[in-house]
Amino acid sequence: MRPHRATAFAHAVPVDGRGRRTPLTLLHLSVRDHFLRAAADIYCTGMSDRAAAAVLRTKLARYREGAWRREASEPSMPPRLAGRLDGLLWCVLKVRDRLVSERLIRAVLAQR
């Protein structure tokens, strides 16, 4: 390998991405947040953000420990979930397979 001259890097800007989320991660989080807000708007009408977050967290945990184990490998949402809360929860978990906290769901719902 040929050595480079020091002047070749004189105007280079150091790239330091430590401590920052990548654009792809930010996109995944915004899509997940969109599905959580849609689930709250459709299935938790008339509830406070705190109550809606508690309901969504409980349903998400229950779905993730149950049917999600079978349906996680599906490339698209199973037809039986269309029009149900489980369908939106499937979308939330398909974007990021993480169980979100009730506090985070409240923060997402507050952004409406």
N, C-alpha and C. Protein backbone atom coordinates (compact mmCIF):
# COMPACT_ATOMS: atom_id res chain seq x y z
N MET A 1 0.85 -1.17 0.00
CA MET A 1 0.00 0.00 0.00
C MET A 1 0.89 1.23 0.00
N ARG A 2 0.54 2.17 -0.85
CA ARG A 2 1.34 3.37 -1.00
C ARG A 2 1.00 4.39 0.08
N PRO A 3 1.95 5.00 0.74
CA PRO A 3 1.66 6.00 1.76
C PRO A 3 1.10 7.28 1.13
N HIS A 4 0.23 7.95 1.89
CA HIS A 4 -0.39 9.19 1.41
C HIS A 4 0.35 10.38 1.99
N ARG A 5 0.32 11.47 1.25
CA ARG A 5 0.92 12.70 1.75
C ARG A 5 -0.01 13.33 2.78
N ALA A 6 0.56 14.02 3.71
CA ALA A 6 -0.23 14.70 4.75
C ALA A 6 -1.11 15.78 4.15
N THR A 7 -0.73 16.37 3.07
CA THR A 7 -1.52 17.45 2.45
C THR A 7 -2.80 16.91 1.82
N ALA A 8 -2.85 15.62 1.55
CA ALA A 8 -4.06 15.04 0.96
C ALA A 8 -5.23 15.09 1.93
N PHE A 9 -4.94 15.14 3.21
CA PHE A 9 -5.99 15.15 4.23
C PHE A 9 -6.13 16.51 4.92
N ALA A 10 -5.56 17.54 4.36
CA ALA A 10 -5.55 18.86 5.00
C ALA A 10 -6.96 19.43 5.16
N HIS A 11 -7.84 19.18 4.21
CA HIS A 11 -9.19 19.75 4.25
C HIS A 11 -10.26 18.71 4.61
N ALA A 12 -9.83 17.57 5.06
CA ALA A 12 -10.78 16.52 5.43
C ALA A 12 -11.46 16.86 6.75
N VAL A 13 -12.74 16.53 6.81
CA VAL A 13 -13.52 16.77 8.03
C VAL A 13 -13.66 15.43 8.75
N PRO A 14 -13.31 15.38 10.02
CA PRO A 14 -13.45 14.10 10.73
C PRO A 14 -14.92 13.74 10.90
N VAL A 15 -15.21 12.48 10.71
CA VAL A 15 -16.57 11.98 10.85
C VAL A 15 -16.66 11.26 12.18
N ASP A 16 -17.51 11.78 13.03
CA ASP A 16 -17.67 11.17 14.34
C ASP A 16 -19.16 10.91 14.55
N GLY A 17 -19.58 9.68 14.38
CA GLY A 17 -20.98 9.34 14.52
C GLY A 17 -21.32 8.74 15.87
N ARG A 18 -20.36 8.74 16.78
CA ARG A 18 -20.61 8.15 18.09
C ARG A 18 -21.67 8.94 18.83
N GLY A 19 -22.59 8.24 19.44
CA GLY A 19 -23.62 8.90 20.25
C GLY A 19 -24.78 9.45 19.44
N ARG A 20 -24.80 9.19 18.15
CA ARG A 20 -25.88 9.69 17.30
C ARG A 20 -26.56 8.52 16.61
N ARG A 21 -27.85 8.67 16.39
CA ARG A 21 -28.60 7.62 15.70
C ARG A 21 -28.45 7.82 14.20
N THR A 22 -28.43 6.72 13.49
CA THR A 22 -28.31 6.79 12.04
C THR A 22 -29.64 7.21 11.45
N PRO A 23 -29.64 7.74 10.22
CA PRO A 23 -30.90 8.11 9.59
C PRO A 23 -31.87 6.94 9.44
N LEU A 24 -31.35 5.75 9.20
CA LEU A 24 -32.22 4.57 9.08
C LEU A 24 -32.90 4.26 10.42
N THR A 25 -32.18 4.38 11.50
CA THR A 25 -32.77 4.15 12.82
C THR A 25 -33.84 5.18 13.12
N LEU A 26 -33.59 6.44 12.79
CA LEU A 26 -34.58 7.50 13.00
C LEU A 26 -35.83 7.25 12.17
N LEU A 27 -35.65 6.76 10.95
CA LEU A 27 -36.80 6.42 10.11
C LEU A 27 -37.61 5.29 10.73
N HIS A 28 -36.95 4.25 11.20
CA HIS A 28 -37.66 3.13 11.84
C HIS A 28 -38.44 3.60 13.07
N LEU A 29 -37.84 4.45 13.87
CA LEU A 29 -38.52 4.94 15.07
C LEU A 29 -39.72 5.80 14.72
N SER A 30 -39.61 6.62 13.68
CA SER A 30 -40.76 7.46 13.31
C SER A 30 -41.91 6.63 12.74
N VAL A 31 -41.59 5.57 12.01
CA VAL A 31 -42.64 4.68 11.48
C VAL A 31 -43.30 3.94 12.64
N ARG A 32 -42.50 3.44 13.57
CA ARG A 32 -43.06 2.77 14.75
C ARG A 32 -43.96 3.70 15.54
N ASP A 33 -43.53 4.94 15.72
CA ASP A 33 -44.33 5.93 16.45
C ASP A 33 -45.64 6.23 15.72
N HIS A 34 -45.58 6.25 14.39
CA HIS A 34 -46.80 6.48 13.60
C HIS A 34 -47.82 5.36 13.85
N PHE A 35 -47.36 4.12 13.86
CA PHE A 35 -48.27 2.99 14.10
C PHE A 35 -48.82 3.02 15.52
N LEU A 36 -48.01 3.41 16.49
CA LEU A 36 -48.51 3.51 17.87
C LEU A 36 -49.58 4.60 17.99
N ARG A 37 -49.36 5.75 17.35
CA ARG A 37 -50.37 6.82 17.38
C ARG A 37 -51.65 6.39 16.67
N ALA A 38 -51.50 5.68 15.55
CA ALA A 38 -52.69 5.20 14.83
C ALA A 38 -53.47 4.21 15.68
N ALA A 39 -52.78 3.32 16.38
CA ALA A 39 -53.47 2.37 17.26
C ALA A 39 -54.21 3.09 18.37
N ALA A 40 -53.60 4.11 18.94
CA ALA A 40 -54.24 4.86 20.01
C ALA A 40 -55.44 5.65 19.48
N ASP A 41 -55.30 6.23 18.29
CA ASP A 41 -56.40 7.00 17.72
C ASP A 41 -57.61 6.13 17.41
N ILE A 42 -57.37 4.92 16.95
CA ILE A 42 -58.47 4.05 16.54
C ILE A 42 -59.06 3.28 17.72
N TYR A 43 -58.21 2.70 18.57
CA TYR A 43 -58.70 1.77 19.58
C TYR A 43 -58.73 2.33 21.00
N CYS A 44 -58.23 3.53 21.20
CA CYS A 44 -58.21 4.11 22.55
C CYS A 44 -58.86 5.49 22.55
N THR A 45 -59.94 5.64 21.82
CA THR A 45 -60.61 6.93 21.75
C THR A 45 -61.23 7.28 23.09
N GLY A 46 -61.11 8.53 23.45
CA GLY A 46 -61.69 9.00 24.70
C GLY A 46 -60.84 8.73 25.93
N MET A 47 -59.71 8.10 25.76
CA MET A 47 -58.83 7.81 26.89
C MET A 47 -57.76 8.89 27.00
N SER A 48 -57.24 9.04 28.20
CA SER A 48 -56.09 9.92 28.38
C SER A 48 -54.86 9.22 27.79
N ASP A 49 -53.80 9.99 27.59
CA ASP A 49 -52.58 9.39 27.06
C ASP A 49 -52.02 8.34 28.00
N ARG A 50 -52.15 8.58 29.28
CA ARG A 50 -51.64 7.62 30.27
C ARG A 50 -52.42 6.30 30.20
N ALA A 51 -53.73 6.38 30.12
CA ALA A 51 -54.55 5.16 30.04
C ALA A 51 -54.33 4.44 28.72
N ALA A 52 -54.25 5.21 27.62
CA ALA A 52 -54.02 4.60 26.31
C ALA A 52 -52.66 3.91 26.27
N ALA A 53 -51.65 4.54 26.86
CA ALA A 53 -50.32 3.94 26.88
C ALA A 53 -50.32 2.64 27.68
N ALA A 54 -51.05 2.62 28.78
CA ALA A 54 -51.12 1.40 29.59
C ALA A 54 -51.79 0.27 28.81
N VAL A 55 -52.88 0.60 28.11
CA VAL A 55 -53.59 -0.42 27.32
C VAL A 55 -52.70 -0.92 26.19
N LEU A 56 -52.07 0.00 25.46
CA LEU A 56 -51.24 -0.41 24.33
C LEU A 56 -50.03 -1.23 24.78
N ARG A 57 -49.43 -0.86 25.89
CA ARG A 57 -48.28 -1.59 26.40
C ARG A 57 -48.67 -3.01 26.80
N THR A 58 -49.82 -3.13 27.46
CA THR A 58 -50.30 -4.45 27.86
C THR A 58 -50.60 -5.32 26.64
N LYS A 59 -51.31 -4.75 25.68
CA LYS A 59 -51.66 -5.52 24.47
C LYS A 59 -50.42 -5.89 23.67
N LEU A 60 -49.46 -4.94 23.59
CA LEU A 60 -48.24 -5.21 22.84
C LEU A 60 -47.42 -6.32 23.50
N ALA A 61 -47.31 -6.28 24.81
CA ALA A 61 -46.57 -7.33 25.52
C ALA A 61 -47.24 -8.69 25.35
N ARG A 62 -48.56 -8.71 25.45
CA ARG A 62 -49.30 -9.96 25.31
C ARG A 62 -49.16 -10.52 23.89
N TYR A 63 -49.26 -9.64 22.89
CA TYR A 63 -49.15 -10.09 21.51
C TYR A 63 -47.73 -10.58 21.20
N ARG A 64 -46.72 -9.87 21.72
CA ARG A 64 -45.33 -10.25 21.46
C ARG A 64 -44.99 -11.60 22.07
N GLU A 65 -45.53 -11.90 23.23
CA GLU A 65 -45.25 -13.18 23.87
C GLU A 65 -46.09 -14.32 23.30
N GLY A 66 -47.12 -14.01 22.55
CA GLY A 66 -48.00 -15.04 22.02
C GLY A 66 -47.88 -15.23 20.52
N ALA A 67 -48.82 -14.64 19.80
CA ALA A 67 -48.93 -14.87 18.36
C ALA A 67 -47.74 -14.33 17.57
N TRP A 68 -47.08 -13.30 18.07
CA TRP A 68 -45.95 -12.73 17.34
C TRP A 68 -44.85 -13.76 17.09
N ARG A 69 -44.69 -14.71 17.99
CA ARG A 69 -43.66 -15.74 17.81
C ARG A 69 -43.89 -16.54 16.55
N ARG A 70 -45.14 -16.77 16.20
CA ARG A 70 -45.47 -17.51 14.98
C ARG A 70 -45.45 -16.61 13.76
N GLU A 71 -45.85 -15.36 13.92
CA GLU A 71 -46.06 -14.47 12.78
C GLU A 71 -44.88 -13.56 12.48
N ALA A 72 -43.82 -13.61 13.26
CA ALA A 72 -42.69 -12.70 13.06
C ALA A 72 -41.99 -12.94 11.73
N SER A 73 -41.98 -14.16 11.27
CA SER A 73 -41.27 -14.48 10.03
C SER A 73 -42.09 -14.18 8.77
N GLU A 74 -43.34 -13.80 8.94
CA GLU A 74 -44.19 -13.48 7.78
C GLU A 74 -43.66 -12.22 7.09
N PRO A 75 -43.56 -12.23 5.75
CA PRO A 75 -43.08 -11.03 5.05
C PRO A 75 -44.11 -9.89 5.02
N SER A 76 -45.38 -10.25 5.08
CA SER A 76 -46.44 -9.23 5.12
C SER A 76 -47.45 -9.63 6.20
N MET A 77 -48.28 -8.66 6.57
CA MET A 77 -49.22 -8.89 7.66
C MET A 77 -50.20 -10.02 7.30
N PRO A 78 -50.39 -10.97 8.20
CA PRO A 78 -51.35 -12.04 7.94
C PRO A 78 -52.76 -11.47 7.75
N PRO A 79 -53.52 -12.02 6.81
CA PRO A 79 -54.85 -11.48 6.51
C PRO A 79 -55.80 -11.49 7.70
N ARG A 80 -55.63 -12.40 8.62
CA ARG A 80 -56.54 -12.46 9.77
C ARG A 80 -56.39 -11.26 10.70
N LEU A 81 -55.27 -10.53 10.58
CA LEU A 81 -55.04 -9.37 11.45
C LEU A 81 -55.56 -8.06 10.87
N ALA A 82 -55.99 -8.08 9.63
CA ALA A 82 -56.44 -6.85 8.97
C ALA A 82 -57.63 -6.25 9.71
N GLY A 83 -57.53 -4.97 10.03
CA GLY A 83 -58.62 -4.27 10.69
C GLY A 83 -58.70 -4.49 12.19
N ARG A 84 -57.69 -5.11 12.76
CA ARG A 84 -57.67 -5.39 14.20
C ARG A 84 -56.49 -4.67 14.85
N LEU A 85 -56.56 -4.52 16.15
CA LEU A 85 -55.46 -3.93 16.90
C LEU A 85 -54.19 -4.76 16.74
N ASP A 86 -54.34 -6.06 16.70
CA ASP A 86 -53.18 -6.93 16.52
C ASP A 86 -52.46 -6.65 15.21
N GLY A 87 -53.18 -6.20 14.20
CA GLY A 87 -52.55 -5.84 12.93
C GLY A 87 -51.61 -4.65 13.08
N LEU A 88 -52.03 -3.64 13.82
CA LEU A 88 -51.15 -2.50 14.06
C LEU A 88 -49.99 -2.88 14.97
N LEU A 89 -50.24 -3.75 15.92
CA LEU A 89 -49.16 -4.21 16.79
C LEU A 89 -48.16 -5.05 16.00
N TRP A 90 -48.64 -5.81 15.02
CA TRP A 90 -47.75 -6.56 14.14
C TRP A 90 -46.84 -5.59 13.39
N CYS A 91 -47.41 -4.48 12.91
CA CYS A 91 -46.62 -3.47 12.19
C CYS A 91 -45.59 -2.82 13.10
N VAL A 92 -45.97 -2.53 14.34
CA VAL A 92 -45.04 -1.94 15.30
C VAL A 92 -43.86 -2.88 15.53
N LEU A 93 -44.14 -4.14 15.74
CA LEU A 93 -43.07 -5.10 16.01
C LEU A 93 -42.27 -5.45 14.76
N LYS A 94 -42.89 -5.37 13.60
CA LYS A 94 -42.17 -5.67 12.37
C LYS A 94 -41.13 -4.59 12.07
N VAL A 95 -41.46 -3.35 12.42
CA VAL A 95 -40.51 -2.26 12.21
C VAL A 95 -39.32 -2.41 13.15
N ARG A 96 -39.61 -2.62 14.43
CA ARG A 96 -38.57 -2.82 15.45
C ARG A 96 -39.08 -3.83 16.46
N ASP A 97 -38.44 -4.96 16.52
CA ASP A 97 -38.89 -6.02 17.42
C ASP A 97 -38.38 -5.75 18.83
N ARG A 98 -38.92 -4.72 19.44
CA ARG A 98 -38.59 -4.34 20.81
C ARG A 98 -39.88 -4.03 21.54
N LEU A 99 -39.94 -4.38 22.78
CA LEU A 99 -41.08 -4.04 23.61
C LEU A 99 -40.85 -2.65 24.18
N VAL A 100 -41.70 -1.69 23.80
CA VAL A 100 -41.51 -0.31 24.24
C VAL A 100 -42.17 -0.10 25.60
N SER A 101 -41.64 0.83 26.36
CA SER A 101 -42.15 1.07 27.70
C SER A 101 -43.41 1.94 27.64
N GLU A 102 -44.14 1.89 28.72
CA GLU A 102 -45.35 2.71 28.83
C GLU A 102 -44.98 4.20 28.79
N ARG A 103 -43.87 4.53 29.38
CA ARG A 103 -43.42 5.93 29.39
C ARG A 103 -43.11 6.42 27.98
N LEU A 104 -42.47 5.58 27.17
CA LEU A 104 -42.17 5.96 25.79
C LEU A 104 -43.44 6.09 24.97
N ILE A 105 -44.40 5.21 25.18
CA ILE A 105 -45.67 5.30 24.46
C ILE A 105 -46.39 6.59 24.83
N ARG A 106 -46.35 6.97 26.10
CA ARG A 106 -46.95 8.25 26.51
C ARG A 106 -46.28 9.42 25.81
N ALA A 107 -44.97 9.38 25.70
CA ALA A 107 -44.24 10.46 25.00
C ALA A 107 -44.61 10.51 23.52
N VAL A 108 -44.77 9.35 22.90
CA VAL A 108 -45.17 9.30 21.50
C VAL A 108 -46.58 9.86 21.32
N LEU A 109 -47.49 9.47 22.21
CA LEU A 109 -48.87 9.94 22.11
C LEU A 109 -48.97 11.43 22.39
N ALA A 110 -48.08 11.97 23.17
CA ALA A 110 -48.11 13.40 23.46
C ALA A 110 -47.71 14.23 22.25
N GLN A 111 -47.08 13.63 21.26
CA GLN A 111 -46.67 14.33 20.05
C GLN A 111 -47.79 14.50 19.04
N ARG A 112 -48.98 14.01 19.35
CA ARG A 112 -50.10 14.14 18.41
C ARG A 112 -50.50 15.57 18.22
